[in-house]
Protein backbone atom coordinates (compact mmCIF):
# COMPACT_ATOMS: atom_id res chain seq x y z
CA MET A 1 59.26 154.15 109.73
CA ARG A 2 61.00 157.47 109.02
CA ILE A 3 62.80 158.08 105.74
CA ASN A 4 64.52 161.39 105.05
CA GLY A 5 62.66 162.87 108.00
CA GLU A 6 59.26 161.79 106.66
CA SER A 7 56.99 159.21 108.22
CA ARG A 8 56.19 156.40 105.79
CA ASP A 9 54.03 153.31 106.06
CA ARG A 10 56.16 151.33 103.63
CA PRO A 11 59.85 151.13 102.79
CA SER A 12 60.95 153.23 99.81
CA TRP A 13 61.63 150.18 97.62
CA HIS A 14 57.90 149.50 97.72
CA ASP A 15 57.26 152.72 95.76
CA ALA A 16 58.57 151.12 92.55
CA ARG A 17 55.29 149.40 91.79
CA MET A 18 54.52 147.32 88.74
CA SER A 19 51.45 145.87 87.12
CA PHE A 20 50.91 142.13 87.44
CA GLN A 21 51.70 141.70 83.74
CA ALA A 22 54.91 143.72 84.17
CA TYR A 23 56.06 141.24 86.83
CA ILE A 24 55.32 138.32 84.47
CA ASP A 25 57.19 140.06 81.63
CA ALA A 26 60.14 140.81 83.92
CA ILE A 27 60.33 137.12 84.84
CA GLU A 28 60.84 136.31 81.16
CA LYS A 29 63.59 138.93 80.90
CA LYS A 30 65.32 137.65 84.05
CA THR A 31 65.12 133.93 83.24
CA GLY A 32 65.14 133.89 79.44
CA LYS A 33 62.12 131.59 79.58
CA VAL A 34 58.61 132.27 78.34
CA PRO A 35 56.32 132.37 81.40
CA GLN A 36 54.19 129.48 80.13
CA ASP A 37 57.33 127.32 79.98
CA LEU A 38 57.99 128.05 83.66
CA VAL A 39 54.39 127.22 84.53
CA ASP A 40 54.72 123.94 82.59
CA GLU A 41 57.98 123.20 84.40
CA ALA A 42 56.30 123.89 87.75
CA ARG A 43 53.48 121.49 86.91
CA ALA A 44 55.98 118.85 85.76
CA ARG A 45 57.55 119.16 89.23
CA GLY A 46 54.13 118.46 90.73
CA TYR A 47 53.37 122.04 91.80
CA GLY A 48 49.76 123.11 91.64
CA PRO A 49 46.89 124.63 93.62
CA ASP A 50 47.76 122.74 96.82
CA THR A 51 51.49 123.53 96.79
CA LYS A 52 52.72 125.92 99.45
CA ALA A 53 53.92 129.19 97.96
CA GLY A 54 57.26 128.94 99.77
CA GLU A 55 58.10 125.72 97.97
CA ILE A 56 57.61 127.35 94.57
CA VAL A 57 59.46 130.51 95.65
CA THR A 58 62.43 128.43 96.80
CA TRP A 59 62.57 126.55 93.48
CA LEU A 60 62.46 129.81 91.49
CA ALA A 61 65.13 131.40 93.69
CA ASP A 62 67.42 128.37 93.52
CA ASP A 63 67.06 127.60 89.81
CA TYR A 64 66.41 131.06 88.35
CA ALA A 65 67.60 133.57 90.99
CA LEU A 66 64.16 135.19 91.11
CA GLY A 67 63.37 137.44 94.04
CA ARG A 68 60.32 136.90 96.21
CA GLU A 69 57.99 139.45 94.57
CA HIS A 70 58.60 138.16 91.05
CA ALA A 71 58.34 134.58 92.26
CA MET A 72 55.03 135.31 93.99
CA ALA A 73 53.59 136.57 90.69
CA LEU A 74 54.40 133.20 89.14
CA VAL A 75 53.11 131.38 92.24
CA HIS A 76 49.73 132.98 91.58
CA VAL A 77 49.70 131.63 88.02
CA VAL A 78 50.83 128.13 89.06
CA LYS A 79 48.20 127.93 91.78
CA ASN A 80 45.30 129.85 90.19
CA GLY A 81 45.87 130.12 86.46
CA PRO A 82 46.40 133.33 84.47
CA GLU A 83 43.21 135.08 85.59
CA ILE A 84 43.61 138.06 87.91
CA SER A 85 41.26 140.47 89.66
CA ASP A 86 39.78 143.32 87.66
CA LYS A 87 40.69 145.73 90.49
CA HIS A 88 43.36 147.54 88.44
CA VAL A 89 42.09 146.90 84.90
CA GLY A 90 41.33 150.14 83.11
CA THR A 91 42.85 152.32 85.83
CA THR A 92 45.64 154.82 85.42
CA GLY A 93 47.65 153.87 88.50
CA THR A 94 51.03 152.19 88.66
CA HIS A 95 49.40 148.77 89.18
CA ARG A 96 47.18 149.06 86.08
CA ASP A 97 46.71 146.01 83.87
CA GLU A 98 45.12 145.88 80.44
CA SER A 99 43.24 142.63 81.01
CA THR A 100 42.07 140.20 83.67
CA VAL A 101 44.02 137.46 81.85
CA LEU A 102 47.80 137.50 82.00
CA ARG A 103 49.79 136.91 78.81
CA LEU A 104 52.06 133.90 79.35
CA ASP A 105 53.04 133.39 75.70
CA GLY A 106 56.12 135.60 75.80
CA LEU A 107 57.08 139.09 74.77
CA ALA A 108 57.92 138.05 71.20
CA GLN A 109 54.24 137.23 70.63
CA ARG A 110 53.18 140.87 71.15
């Protein structure tokens, strides 16, 4: 792909990267719901480790107007819990996270 005469591997929108926790926090801002409440709602709908990601993404898009990337962050939590890889913990990059456990208790608790 060529953008502004430069060859790029990814589209320019991909350059606005966020940490995993930032995606979870943005979900709260977009929906007005604490992330744990959305996880609880997902489980009440029967979503869990065996649910296909697309099914959860569709629910979040239909009910909360979440885009795919934000929805996929919540899909991870619904299917796997709040633990994430330590790959970006303690780094200085744009994907850095402070912990291997995501905070789902809401921004007001920090």
